[in-house]
Amino acid sequence: MRDRTEWVETVEAGVSFLVGTDANRIVQAVKFIEDNYDLIRGRFCENPFGDGCAARRIVDIVMRFI
């Protein structure tokens, strides 16, 4: 339960929620997630952080210069 996050992409994608430490906000968020679980789960189809292949691409680019 936090007011800020370094994972802003997940908040923007609607799969994380910043609710702080206020008990009412936490309860509201849990109810929202329960009531909208399928919708929220469906938002996971695209990874906001990429496809996991960045290291391979970086190596390929570096190898072109050596």
Protein backbone atom coordinates (compact mmCIF):
# COMPACT_ATOMS: atom_id res chain seq x y z
CA MET A 1 0.00 0.00 0.00
CA ARG A 2 1.74 3.07 -1.30
CA ASP A 3 1.07 6.64 -2.46
CA ARG A 4 3.83 6.57 -5.09
CA THR A 5 5.49 4.00 -7.30
CA GLU A 6 8.42 3.68 -9.64
CA TRP A 7 6.25 1.26 -11.66
CA VAL A 8 4.08 3.97 -13.23
CA GLU A 9 3.60 1.83 -16.34
CA THR A 10 1.55 -0.70 -14.39
CA VAL A 11 -0.67 2.03 -12.94
CA GLU A 12 -1.13 3.56 -16.39
CA ALA A 13 -1.99 0.12 -17.78
CA GLY A 14 -4.64 -0.26 -15.07
CA VAL A 15 -3.16 -3.36 -13.45
CA SER A 16 -1.80 -1.65 -10.33
CA PHE A 17 -3.54 0.81 -8.06
CA LEU A 18 -2.07 3.39 -5.73
CA VAL A 19 -4.23 3.50 -2.63
CA GLY A 20 -1.88 4.66 0.10
CA THR A 21 -2.48 3.49 3.63
CA ASP A 22 -6.04 4.73 4.05
CA ALA A 23 -8.17 1.73 5.06
CA ASN A 24 -11.22 2.92 3.11
CA ARG A 25 -9.24 3.35 -0.10
CA ILE A 26 -7.70 -0.10 0.34
CA VAL A 27 -11.10 -1.71 0.84
CA GLN A 28 -12.54 0.15 -2.16
CA ALA A 29 -9.62 -0.98 -4.33
CA VAL A 30 -10.01 -4.62 -3.26
CA LYS A 31 -13.74 -4.51 -3.99
CA PHE A 32 -13.06 -2.91 -7.37
CA ILE A 33 -10.54 -5.61 -8.24
CA GLU A 34 -12.93 -8.35 -7.12
CA ASP A 35 -15.80 -6.88 -9.13
CA ASN A 36 -13.67 -6.24 -12.22
CA TYR A 37 -11.20 -9.11 -12.06
CA ASP A 38 -11.73 -10.35 -15.63
CA LEU A 39 -11.35 -6.83 -17.03
CA ILE A 40 -8.16 -6.19 -15.07
CA ARG A 41 -6.73 -9.62 -15.92
CA GLY A 42 -7.39 -8.92 -19.60
CA ARG A 43 -5.13 -5.89 -19.41
CA PHE A 44 -2.15 -8.18 -18.89
CA CYS A 45 -2.05 -9.20 -22.55
CA GLU A 46 0.61 -6.61 -23.39
CA ASN A 47 3.68 -6.19 -21.21
CA PRO A 48 4.36 -2.45 -20.71
CA PHE A 49 8.05 -3.25 -20.13
CA GLY A 50 8.69 -4.84 -23.52
CA ASP A 51 9.13 -8.38 -24.75
CA GLY A 52 12.12 -9.44 -22.62
CA CYS A 53 14.54 -9.45 -25.57
CA ALA A 54 16.36 -6.15 -24.93
CA ALA A 55 19.63 -7.81 -23.91
CA ARG A 56 19.76 -9.83 -27.14
CA ARG A 57 19.09 -6.70 -29.21
CA ILE A 58 21.82 -4.76 -27.37
CA VAL A 59 24.34 -7.56 -27.94
CA ASP A 60 23.43 -7.70 -31.65
CA ILE A 61 23.95 -3.95 -32.01
CA VAL A 62 27.26 -3.97 -30.10
CA MET A 63 28.54 -6.92 -32.13
CA ARG A 64 28.02 -4.94 -35.34
CA PHE A 65 30.58 -2.41 -34.09
CA ILE A 66 33.29 -4.83 -33.00
